Amino acid sequence: MISSSCDPQNEDPDDDSLGDAFEANAGGSACSVSDADGDGFDDGEELNLGADRRDPTAFLAAPGVTVGFSAARQD
């Protein structure tokens, strides 16, 4: 479903590297806002780096970088 704020004929009014036609049909992005989830990264950046552009807590994946996490031990 196409959002009323989207115009599939419009290239990229929010300058996030995702055209309105893509944003209207893919879901999870806002056609008039470059950072739909408010995490400080444009939707296009998140899509290109493998992060979920709908989730402000999603981690960005940098090519060739491995990040490891370990839980703190609680006794």
C-alpha atoms as a PDB file:
ATOM      1  CA  MET A   1       0.000   0.000   0.000  1.00  0.00           C
ATOM      2  CA  ILE A   2       1.362   3.406  -0.969  1.00  0.00           C
ATOM      3  CA  SER A   3       1.485   6.004   1.788  1.00  0.00           C
ATOM      4  CA  SER A   4      -0.313   9.273   1.074  1.00  0.00           C
ATOM      5  CA  SER A   5       2.997  11.108   1.557  1.00  0.00           C
ATOM      6  CA  CYS A   6       4.668   9.053  -1.194  1.00  0.00           C
ATOM      7  CA  ASP A   7       4.725   9.946  -4.845  1.00  0.00           C
ATOM      8  CA  PRO A   8       6.152   7.080  -6.932  1.00  0.00           C
ATOM      9  CA  GLN A   9       7.010   9.634  -9.629  1.00  0.00           C
ATOM     10  CA  ASN A  10       9.214  11.542  -7.171  1.00  0.00           C
ATOM     11  CA  GLU A  11      12.845  10.463  -7.180  1.00  0.00           C
ATOM     12  CA  ASP A  12      14.024  10.982  -3.586  1.00  0.00           C
ATOM     13  CA  PRO A  13      12.610  14.037  -1.811  1.00  0.00           C
ATOM     14  CA  ASP A  14      14.003  13.037   1.613  1.00  0.00           C
ATOM     15  CA  ASP A  15      17.505  12.459   0.179  1.00  0.00           C
ATOM     16  CA  ASP A  16      18.051   9.048   1.788  1.00  0.00           C
ATOM     17  CA  SER A  17      19.091   7.298  -1.458  1.00  0.00           C
ATOM     18  CA  LEU A  18      15.771   5.429  -1.606  1.00  0.00           C
ATOM     19  CA  GLY A  19      13.254   6.572  -4.193  1.00  0.00           C
ATOM     20  CA  ASP A  20       9.619   7.120  -3.241  1.00  0.00           C
ATOM     21  CA  ALA A  21       8.505   4.159  -5.355  1.00  0.00           C
ATOM     22  CA  PHE A  22      10.788   1.833  -3.360  1.00  0.00           C
ATOM     23  CA  GLU A  23       9.838   3.333   0.000  1.00  0.00           C
ATOM     24  CA  ALA A  24       6.127   3.174  -0.797  1.00  0.00           C
ATOM     25  CA  ASN A  25       6.259  -0.510  -1.688  1.00  0.00           C
ATOM     26  CA  ALA A  26       9.008  -1.890   0.576  1.00  0.00           C
ATOM     27  CA  GLY A  27       7.561  -0.707   3.870  1.00  0.00           C
ATOM     28  CA  GLY A  28       9.480   0.418   6.898  1.00  0.00           C
ATOM     29  CA  SER A  29      10.581   3.711   5.389  1.00  0.00           C
ATOM     30  CA  ALA A  30       8.975   7.107   5.296  1.00  0.00           C
ATOM     31  CA  CYS A  31       8.947   8.941   1.995  1.00  0.00           C
ATOM     32  CA  SER A  32       9.291  12.356   3.577  1.00  0.00           C
ATOM     33  CA  VAL A  33      11.756  11.472   6.373  1.00  0.00           C
ATOM     34  CA  SER A  34      15.287  10.250   5.666  1.00  0.00           C
ATOM     35  CA  ASP A  35      15.636   8.429   9.013  1.00  0.00           C
ATOM     36  CA  ALA A  36      12.339   6.660   9.696  1.00  0.00           C
ATOM     37  CA  ASP A  37      13.440   4.969  12.925  1.00  0.00           C
ATOM     38  CA  GLY A  38      15.224   8.033  14.343  1.00  0.00           C
ATOM     39  CA  ASP A  39      18.561   6.345  15.069  1.00  0.00           C
ATOM     40  CA  GLY A  40      20.706   8.909  13.257  1.00  0.00           C
ATOM     41  CA  PHE A  41      21.326   6.839  10.117  1.00  0.00           C
ATOM     42  CA  ASP A  42      19.521   7.453   6.822  1.00  0.00           C
ATOM     43  CA  ASP A  43      17.264   4.622   5.662  1.00  0.00           C
ATOM     44  CA  GLY A  44      19.435   4.171   2.566  1.00  0.00           C
ATOM     45  CA  GLU A  45      22.607   3.815   4.684  1.00  0.00           C
ATOM     46  CA  GLU A  46      20.960   1.209   6.875  1.00  0.00           C
ATOM     47  CA  LEU A  47      19.676  -0.778   3.913  1.00  0.00           C
ATOM     48  CA  ASN A  48      23.105  -0.748   2.243  1.00  0.00           C
ATOM     49  CA  LEU A  49      24.876  -1.813   5.454  1.00  0.00           C
ATOM     50  CA  GLY A  50      22.472  -4.605   6.319  1.00  0.00           C
ATOM     51  CA  ALA A  51      20.706  -2.984   9.277  1.00  0.00           C
ATOM     52  CA  ASP A  52      16.970  -2.965   9.813  1.00  0.00           C
ATOM     53  CA  ARG A  53      15.862   0.569   8.880  1.00  0.00           C
ATOM     54  CA  ARG A  54      12.723   0.096  10.989  1.00  0.00           C
ATOM     55  CA  ASP A  55      14.582  -0.735  14.214  1.00  0.00           C
ATOM     56  CA  PRO A  56      16.510   2.035  16.016  1.00  0.00           C
ATOM     57  CA  THR A  57      18.440  -0.562  18.037  1.00  0.00           C
ATOM     58  CA  ALA A  58      19.667  -2.534  15.001  1.00  0.00           C
ATOM     59  CA  PHE A  59      23.433  -2.658  14.625  1.00  0.00           C
ATOM     60  CA  LEU A  60      25.052  -1.575  11.371  1.00  0.00           C
ATOM     61  CA  ALA A  61      27.178  -4.226   9.724  1.00  0.00           C
ATOM     62  CA  ALA A  62      30.419  -2.843   8.291  1.00  0.00           C
ATOM     63  CA  PRO A  63      31.857  -4.973   5.468  1.00  0.00           C
ATOM     64  CA  GLY A  64      34.816  -7.042   6.674  1.00  0.00           C
ATOM     65  CA  VAL A  65      34.321  -6.213  10.350  1.00  0.00           C
ATOM     66  CA  THR A  66      33.350  -8.816  12.920  1.00  0.00           C
ATOM     67  CA  VAL A  67      32.007  -7.656  16.255  1.00  0.00           C
ATOM     68  CA  GLY A  68      31.719 -10.016  19.188  1.00  0.00           C
ATOM     69  CA  PHE A  69      29.715  -9.577  22.340  1.00  0.00           C
ATOM     70  CA  SER A  70      29.912 -11.478  25.562  1.00  0.00           C
ATOM     71  CA  ALA A  71      27.382 -11.358  28.340  1.00  0.00           C
ATOM     72  CA  ALA A  72      28.555 -10.241  31.741  1.00  0.00           C
ATOM     73  CA  ARG A  73      28.568 -13.055  34.216  1.00  0.00           C
ATOM     74  CA  GLN A  74      26.091 -12.638  37.017  1.00  0.00           C
ATOM     75  CA  ASP A  75      26.486 -14.900  40.053  1.00  0.00           C
END
